[in-house]
N, C-alpha and C. Protein backbone atom coordinates (compact mmCIF):
# COMPACT_ATOMS: atom_id res chain seq x y z
N GLY A 1 0.80 -1.18 0.00
CA GLY A 1 0.00 0.00 0.00
C GLY A 1 0.85 1.25 0.00
N ASP A 2 0.20 2.37 -0.22
CA ASP A 2 0.90 3.65 -0.23
C ASP A 2 1.42 3.99 1.16
N THR A 3 2.56 4.66 1.20
CA THR A 3 3.10 5.17 2.45
C THR A 3 2.99 6.69 2.44
N PHE A 4 3.12 7.29 3.62
CA PHE A 4 2.90 8.72 3.74
C PHE A 4 3.51 9.20 5.06
N PRO A 5 3.82 10.50 5.15
CA PRO A 5 4.34 11.05 6.40
C PRO A 5 3.27 11.08 7.49
N LEU A 6 3.72 10.95 8.72
CA LEU A 6 2.87 11.09 9.90
C LEU A 6 3.27 12.37 10.62
N GLY A 7 2.40 12.87 11.46
CA GLY A 7 2.71 14.07 12.24
C GLY A 7 2.39 15.36 11.52
N CYS A 8 1.69 15.26 10.40
CA CYS A 8 1.23 16.44 9.67
C CYS A 8 -0.09 16.08 8.99
N ARG A 9 -0.70 17.06 8.33
CA ARG A 9 -1.99 16.82 7.69
C ARG A 9 -1.88 15.69 6.66
N PHE A 10 -2.86 14.80 6.67
CA PHE A 10 -2.92 13.73 5.67
C PHE A 10 -3.32 14.35 4.33
N SER A 11 -2.54 14.10 3.32
CA SER A 11 -2.83 14.63 1.99
C SER A 11 -4.09 13.98 1.42
N GLU A 12 -4.86 14.76 0.71
CA GLU A 12 -6.04 14.22 0.02
C GLU A 12 -5.63 13.35 -1.16
N LYS A 13 -4.35 13.33 -1.50
CA LYS A 13 -3.85 12.51 -2.60
C LYS A 13 -3.51 11.09 -2.15
N ILE A 14 -3.60 10.81 -0.86
CA ILE A 14 -3.36 9.45 -0.36
C ILE A 14 -4.57 8.60 -0.72
N VAL A 15 -4.30 7.40 -1.21
CA VAL A 15 -5.38 6.48 -1.58
C VAL A 15 -6.28 6.24 -0.36
N TYR A 16 -7.58 6.27 -0.57
CA TYR A 16 -8.59 6.09 0.47
C TYR A 16 -8.48 7.14 1.58
N HIS A 17 -8.13 8.35 1.18
CA HIS A 17 -7.97 9.45 2.11
C HIS A 17 -9.18 9.61 3.04
N GLU A 18 -10.36 9.30 2.55
CA GLU A 18 -11.58 9.52 3.33
C GLU A 18 -11.58 8.74 4.65
N PHE A 19 -10.82 7.66 4.73
CA PHE A 19 -10.81 6.86 5.95
C PHE A 19 -9.97 7.49 7.07
N PHE A 20 -9.19 8.51 6.74
CA PHE A 20 -8.46 9.21 7.79
C PHE A 20 -9.39 9.96 8.72
N ALA A 21 -10.62 10.17 8.33
CA ALA A 21 -11.60 10.83 9.20
C ALA A 21 -11.77 10.06 10.50
N ASP A 22 -11.57 8.74 10.46
CA ASP A 22 -11.69 7.91 11.65
C ASP A 22 -10.38 7.76 12.41
N ASN A 23 -9.31 8.34 11.90
CA ASN A 23 -8.00 8.23 12.54
C ASN A 23 -7.88 9.34 13.58
N PRO A 24 -7.56 9.00 14.84
CA PRO A 24 -7.45 10.02 15.89
C PRO A 24 -6.45 11.13 15.56
N ASP A 25 -5.43 10.83 14.75
CA ASP A 25 -4.47 11.87 14.39
C ASP A 25 -5.11 13.00 13.60
N SER A 26 -6.21 12.72 12.92
CA SER A 26 -6.90 13.77 12.15
C SER A 26 -7.48 14.85 13.05
N ALA A 27 -7.71 14.54 14.32
CA ALA A 27 -8.30 15.51 15.26
C ALA A 27 -7.24 16.26 16.07
N ARG A 28 -5.97 15.95 15.87
CA ARG A 28 -4.91 16.61 16.64
C ARG A 28 -4.55 17.95 16.01
N PRO A 29 -4.71 19.03 16.74
CA PRO A 29 -4.40 20.35 16.18
C PRO A 29 -2.95 20.49 15.71
N ASP A 30 -2.02 19.85 16.44
CA ASP A 30 -0.61 19.98 16.06
C ASP A 30 -0.28 19.23 14.77
N TYR A 31 -1.17 18.38 14.30
CA TYR A 31 -0.97 17.66 13.03
C TYR A 31 -1.80 18.25 11.89
N ALA A 32 -2.54 19.32 12.15
CA ALA A 32 -3.55 19.81 11.20
C ALA A 32 -2.99 20.62 10.03
N SER A 33 -1.76 21.07 10.13
CA SER A 33 -1.21 21.90 9.05
C SER A 33 -0.37 21.05 8.09
N PRO A 34 -0.04 21.61 6.93
CA PRO A 34 0.80 20.85 6.00
C PRO A 34 2.16 20.46 6.58
N LEU A 35 2.70 21.28 7.48
CA LEU A 35 3.98 20.95 8.11
C LEU A 35 3.80 20.17 9.41
N GLY A 36 2.67 20.33 10.07
CA GLY A 36 2.44 19.62 11.33
C GLY A 36 3.51 19.93 12.35
N ILE A 37 4.15 18.89 12.87
CA ILE A 37 5.16 19.04 13.92
C ILE A 37 6.56 19.29 13.37
N TYR A 38 6.68 19.43 12.05
CA TYR A 38 7.99 19.56 11.41
C TYR A 38 8.27 20.99 10.98
N ASP A 39 9.55 21.29 10.80
CA ASP A 39 9.97 22.57 10.26
C ASP A 39 10.05 22.47 8.74
N GLU A 40 9.76 23.56 8.08
CA GLU A 40 9.85 23.57 6.62
C GLU A 40 11.27 23.23 6.18
N GLY A 41 11.38 22.33 5.21
CA GLY A 41 12.67 21.92 4.67
C GLY A 41 13.49 21.05 5.60
N CYS A 42 12.86 20.45 6.60
CA CYS A 42 13.59 19.65 7.59
C CYS A 42 14.25 18.42 6.97
N GLY A 43 13.71 17.93 5.88
CA GLY A 43 14.25 16.72 5.25
C GLY A 43 13.46 15.50 5.68
N LEU A 44 13.24 14.61 4.74
CA LEU A 44 12.43 13.42 5.03
C LEU A 44 13.07 12.50 6.06
N ASN A 45 14.39 12.60 6.24
CA ASN A 45 15.03 11.77 7.26
C ASN A 45 14.60 12.18 8.67
N GLN A 46 13.98 13.35 8.81
CA GLN A 46 13.47 13.81 10.10
C GLN A 46 11.98 13.53 10.27
N VAL A 47 11.36 12.95 9.24
CA VAL A 47 9.91 12.75 9.22
C VAL A 47 9.59 11.28 9.51
N THR A 48 8.64 11.05 10.40
CA THR A 48 8.17 9.69 10.67
C THR A 48 7.22 9.28 9.55
N MET A 49 7.51 8.12 8.95
CA MET A 49 6.69 7.61 7.85
C MET A 49 5.76 6.52 8.37
N SER A 50 4.66 6.32 7.67
CA SER A 50 3.77 5.21 8.01
C SER A 50 4.52 3.90 7.86
N TRP A 51 4.10 2.89 8.60
CA TRP A 51 4.80 1.60 8.62
C TRP A 51 4.24 0.70 7.53
N GLY A 52 5.14 0.15 6.75
CA GLY A 52 4.77 -0.79 5.70
C GLY A 52 6.01 -1.51 5.23
N HIS A 53 5.91 -2.21 4.11
CA HIS A 53 7.05 -2.99 3.64
C HIS A 53 8.23 -2.09 3.28
N ASP A 54 7.99 -0.89 2.81
CA ASP A 54 9.07 0.03 2.46
C ASP A 54 9.89 0.39 3.69
N GLU A 55 9.20 0.84 4.72
CA GLU A 55 9.87 1.29 5.93
C GLU A 55 10.57 0.13 6.63
N TYR A 56 9.93 -1.02 6.65
CA TYR A 56 10.53 -2.20 7.28
C TYR A 56 11.85 -2.55 6.59
N LEU A 57 11.83 -2.71 5.27
CA LEU A 57 13.05 -3.09 4.57
C LEU A 57 14.12 -2.01 4.69
N TYR A 58 13.72 -0.76 4.66
CA TYR A 58 14.68 0.33 4.85
C TYR A 58 15.44 0.15 6.16
N HIS A 59 14.74 -0.16 7.24
CA HIS A 59 15.40 -0.32 8.54
C HIS A 59 16.30 -1.56 8.57
N VAL A 60 15.96 -2.58 7.81
CA VAL A 60 16.79 -3.79 7.75
C VAL A 60 18.11 -3.51 7.04
N VAL A 61 18.09 -2.71 5.98
CA VAL A 61 19.28 -2.54 5.12
C VAL A 61 19.93 -1.17 5.21
N LYS A 62 19.45 -0.28 6.08
CA LYS A 62 19.90 1.11 6.06
C LYS A 62 21.40 1.31 6.30
N ASP A 63 22.06 0.37 6.93
CA ASP A 63 23.50 0.50 7.16
C ASP A 63 24.33 -0.25 6.14
N ARG A 64 23.70 -0.77 5.07
CA ARG A 64 24.41 -1.63 4.14
C ARG A 64 24.34 -1.23 2.68
N LEU A 65 23.42 -0.39 2.31
CA LEU A 65 23.23 -0.06 0.90
C LEU A 65 23.53 1.42 0.65
N PRO A 66 23.86 1.76 -0.59
CA PRO A 66 24.10 3.17 -0.93
C PRO A 66 22.83 4.01 -0.78
N GLU A 67 23.02 5.28 -0.55
CA GLU A 67 21.90 6.19 -0.30
C GLU A 67 20.83 6.16 -1.39
N PRO A 68 21.17 6.16 -2.69
CA PRO A 68 20.10 6.10 -3.70
C PRO A 68 19.23 4.84 -3.55
N ALA A 69 19.85 3.71 -3.23
CA ALA A 69 19.08 2.48 -3.04
C ALA A 69 18.15 2.60 -1.84
N LEU A 70 18.62 3.24 -0.79
CA LEU A 70 17.79 3.41 0.40
C LEU A 70 16.58 4.30 0.11
N TYR A 71 16.77 5.35 -0.65
CA TYR A 71 15.63 6.19 -1.05
C TYR A 71 14.64 5.39 -1.89
N MET A 72 15.14 4.60 -2.83
CA MET A 72 14.23 3.81 -3.67
C MET A 72 13.43 2.84 -2.83
N ILE A 73 14.07 2.20 -1.86
CA ILE A 73 13.39 1.24 -0.99
C ILE A 73 12.37 1.95 -0.10
N ARG A 74 12.80 3.01 0.54
CA ARG A 74 11.97 3.66 1.55
C ARG A 74 10.77 4.42 0.97
N TYR A 75 10.94 5.01 -0.21
CA TYR A 75 9.91 5.93 -0.71
C TYR A 75 9.23 5.47 -1.99
N HIS A 76 9.48 4.26 -2.47
CA HIS A 76 8.89 3.88 -3.76
C HIS A 76 7.37 3.77 -3.70
N SER A 77 6.80 3.57 -2.53
CA SER A 77 5.33 3.51 -2.41
C SER A 77 4.74 4.81 -1.87
N CYS A 78 5.55 5.84 -1.77
CA CYS A 78 5.05 7.13 -1.27
C CYS A 78 4.60 7.98 -2.45
N TYR A 79 3.52 7.53 -3.08
CA TYR A 79 2.99 8.19 -4.27
C TYR A 79 2.57 9.63 -4.02
N PRO A 80 2.07 9.98 -2.82
CA PRO A 80 1.74 11.39 -2.61
C PRO A 80 2.94 12.32 -2.84
N ILE A 81 4.15 11.82 -2.57
CA ILE A 81 5.34 12.64 -2.80
C ILE A 81 5.80 12.54 -4.24
N HIS A 82 6.13 11.33 -4.70
CA HIS A 82 6.81 11.26 -6.00
C HIS A 82 5.88 11.28 -7.20
N ARG A 83 4.60 11.10 -7.02
CA ARG A 83 3.68 11.20 -8.16
C ARG A 83 2.83 12.47 -8.09
N GLU A 84 2.46 12.86 -6.89
CA GLU A 84 1.51 13.97 -6.73
C GLU A 84 2.15 15.28 -6.30
N GLY A 85 3.43 15.26 -5.91
CA GLY A 85 4.10 16.49 -5.50
C GLY A 85 3.71 17.00 -4.13
N GLU A 86 3.06 16.17 -3.33
CA GLU A 86 2.67 16.56 -1.98
C GLU A 86 3.88 16.51 -1.03
N TYR A 87 3.75 17.16 0.10
CA TYR A 87 4.75 17.17 1.17
C TYR A 87 6.08 17.78 0.74
N ASP A 88 6.07 18.55 -0.33
CA ASP A 88 7.29 19.17 -0.83
C ASP A 88 7.92 20.08 0.22
N ARG A 89 7.09 20.70 1.05
CA ARG A 89 7.61 21.64 2.05
C ARG A 89 8.41 20.94 3.14
N LEU A 90 8.27 19.62 3.26
CA LEU A 90 9.07 18.87 4.22
C LEU A 90 10.45 18.51 3.66
N MET A 91 10.55 18.47 2.36
CA MET A 91 11.76 17.99 1.70
C MET A 91 12.87 19.05 1.71
N ASN A 92 14.11 18.54 1.68
CA ASN A 92 15.26 19.42 1.53
C ASN A 92 15.91 19.14 0.17
N ALA A 93 16.99 19.84 -0.12
CA ALA A 93 17.64 19.69 -1.43
C ALA A 93 18.12 18.27 -1.67
N ARG A 94 18.62 17.62 -0.63
CA ARG A 94 19.11 16.24 -0.79
C ARG A 94 17.96 15.31 -1.15
N ASP A 95 16.82 15.46 -0.50
CA ASP A 95 15.64 14.65 -0.84
C ASP A 95 15.29 14.81 -2.31
N ARG A 96 15.25 16.05 -2.78
CA ARG A 96 14.88 16.29 -4.18
C ARG A 96 15.87 15.64 -5.13
N GLU A 97 17.13 15.71 -4.78
CA GLU A 97 18.16 15.06 -5.61
C GLU A 97 17.97 13.55 -5.62
N MET A 98 17.73 12.96 -4.46
CA MET A 98 17.59 11.50 -4.35
C MET A 98 16.29 10.99 -4.98
N PHE A 99 15.28 11.85 -5.05
CA PHE A 99 14.02 11.41 -5.65
C PHE A 99 14.13 11.19 -7.15
N THR A 100 15.21 11.65 -7.77
CA THR A 100 15.42 11.28 -9.18
C THR A 100 15.60 9.77 -9.28
N TRP A 101 16.20 9.16 -8.26
CA TRP A 101 16.37 7.70 -8.23
C TRP A 101 15.04 7.00 -7.97
N VAL A 102 14.25 7.54 -7.08
CA VAL A 102 12.93 6.96 -6.80
C VAL A 102 12.09 6.98 -8.07
N ASN A 103 12.09 8.09 -8.77
CA ASN A 103 11.31 8.21 -10.00
C ASN A 103 11.84 7.28 -11.09
N ALA A 104 13.15 7.10 -11.16
CA ALA A 104 13.73 6.19 -12.16
C ALA A 104 13.37 4.74 -11.85
N PHE A 105 13.26 4.41 -10.58
CA PHE A 105 12.93 3.03 -10.17
C PHE A 105 11.45 2.71 -10.38
N ASN A 106 10.60 3.69 -10.27
CA ASN A 106 9.16 3.47 -10.27
C ASN A 106 8.63 2.60 -11.42
N PRO A 107 9.03 2.80 -12.67
CA PRO A 107 8.50 1.93 -13.74
C PRO A 107 8.86 0.45 -13.55
N TYR A 108 10.01 0.18 -12.95
CA TYR A 108 10.42 -1.20 -12.73
C TYR A 108 9.63 -1.83 -11.59
N ASP A 109 9.24 -1.01 -10.65
CA ASP A 109 8.43 -1.50 -9.53
C ASP A 109 7.03 -1.86 -10.01
N LEU A 110 6.46 -1.03 -10.85
CA LEU A 110 5.05 -1.21 -11.22
C LEU A 110 4.83 -2.04 -12.48
N TYR A 111 5.71 -1.93 -13.44
CA TYR A 111 5.37 -2.44 -14.77
C TYR A 111 6.24 -3.59 -15.24
N THR A 112 6.92 -4.26 -14.34
CA THR A 112 7.75 -5.39 -14.75
C THR A 112 7.27 -6.70 -14.15
N LYS A 113 6.06 -6.71 -13.65
CA LYS A 113 5.48 -7.94 -13.11
C LYS A 113 5.13 -8.85 -14.28
N SER A 114 5.26 -10.15 -14.05
CA SER A 114 4.96 -11.11 -15.11
C SER A 114 4.39 -12.38 -14.51
N SER A 115 3.50 -13.01 -15.22
CA SER A 115 2.96 -14.29 -14.77
C SER A 115 3.82 -15.46 -15.25
N GLN A 116 4.82 -15.14 -16.07
CA GLN A 116 5.72 -16.19 -16.56
C GLN A 116 6.66 -16.64 -15.45
N ARG A 117 6.76 -17.94 -15.26
CA ARG A 117 7.63 -18.49 -14.23
C ARG A 117 9.09 -18.33 -14.64
N VAL A 118 9.92 -18.00 -13.66
CA VAL A 118 11.35 -17.86 -13.92
C VAL A 118 12.08 -19.13 -13.53
N ASP A 119 13.26 -19.31 -14.08
CA ASP A 119 14.11 -20.45 -13.74
C ASP A 119 14.91 -20.06 -12.50
N VAL A 120 14.41 -20.41 -11.34
CA VAL A 120 15.02 -20.02 -10.07
C VAL A 120 16.45 -20.53 -9.97
N ALA A 121 16.69 -21.76 -10.36
CA ALA A 121 18.04 -22.34 -10.28
C ALA A 121 19.03 -21.55 -11.13
N ALA A 122 18.60 -21.08 -12.28
CA ALA A 122 19.49 -20.31 -13.16
C ALA A 122 19.77 -18.92 -12.60
N LEU A 123 18.78 -18.32 -11.96
CA LEU A 123 18.92 -16.96 -11.42
C LEU A 123 19.61 -16.92 -10.05
N ARG A 124 19.54 -18.01 -9.33
CA ARG A 124 20.04 -18.04 -7.95
C ARG A 124 21.49 -17.55 -7.82
N PRO A 125 22.45 -18.01 -8.62
CA PRO A 125 23.83 -17.53 -8.45
C PRO A 125 23.96 -16.01 -8.61
N PHE A 126 23.24 -15.45 -9.55
CA PHE A 126 23.29 -14.00 -9.77
C PHE A 126 22.85 -13.26 -8.51
N TYR A 127 21.72 -13.66 -7.94
CA TYR A 127 21.21 -12.98 -6.76
C TYR A 127 22.02 -13.28 -5.51
N GLU A 128 22.57 -14.47 -5.41
CA GLU A 128 23.43 -14.78 -4.27
C GLU A 128 24.68 -13.90 -4.29
N ASP A 129 25.23 -13.65 -5.48
CA ASP A 129 26.40 -12.77 -5.59
C ASP A 129 26.05 -11.34 -5.16
N LEU A 130 24.88 -10.86 -5.57
CA LEU A 130 24.45 -9.52 -5.16
C LEU A 130 24.26 -9.44 -3.65
N ILE A 131 23.64 -10.46 -3.09
CA ILE A 131 23.43 -10.48 -1.64
C ILE A 131 24.76 -10.49 -0.90
N GLU A 132 25.69 -11.29 -1.37
CA GLU A 132 27.00 -11.37 -0.72
C GLU A 132 27.73 -10.03 -0.81
N GLU A 133 27.58 -9.34 -1.94
CA GLU A 133 28.26 -8.06 -2.12
C GLU A 133 27.66 -6.96 -1.24
N TYR A 134 26.34 -6.86 -1.19
CA TYR A 134 25.69 -5.74 -0.51
C TYR A 134 25.13 -6.06 0.87
N LEU A 135 24.85 -7.34 1.12
CA LEU A 135 24.23 -7.72 2.40
C LEU A 135 24.94 -8.92 3.01
N PRO A 136 26.26 -8.84 3.17
CA PRO A 136 26.98 -10.01 3.70
C PRO A 136 26.66 -10.26 5.17
N GLY A 137 26.84 -11.49 5.58
CA GLY A 137 26.61 -11.84 6.98
C GLY A 137 25.13 -11.92 7.31
N LYS A 138 24.85 -11.82 8.60
CA LYS A 138 23.47 -11.93 9.07
C LYS A 138 22.79 -10.57 9.08
N LEU A 139 21.54 -10.58 8.71
CA LEU A 139 20.72 -9.38 8.77
C LEU A 139 19.88 -9.38 10.03
N ALA A 140 19.60 -8.21 10.55
CA ALA A 140 18.71 -8.07 11.71
C ALA A 140 17.29 -7.93 11.17
N TRP A 141 16.62 -9.04 10.93
CA TRP A 141 15.26 -9.01 10.39
C TRP A 141 14.29 -8.56 11.46
């Protein structure tokens, strides 16, 4: 599902936005503005994001992968930001620079799914080499 910042007004561009009416955070005055509890330009690294597969994997690999990969992992489902231009006032220059990677990754995330079965045995060595290079040893799952 889509991810989004917490601690500020929920964007109307979030899928199923109407259900935030039942969320207690919608009634908090300190969360009611576009910036909420954050300073303008604070950077997304200072913003608490909703919990989902993006945020989980980001925390698993954040000390092991290059920064562009971390942005792609953490924000690829944050469509209010990278598709709709929402929450721009929270972003800093580094975020804007790194979102070029998120936008470049997006077509591969959405449009490369296939029902054709892959040859797992043939692909396994390729992916094992990548894992060994970027994620050696044990991960803190």
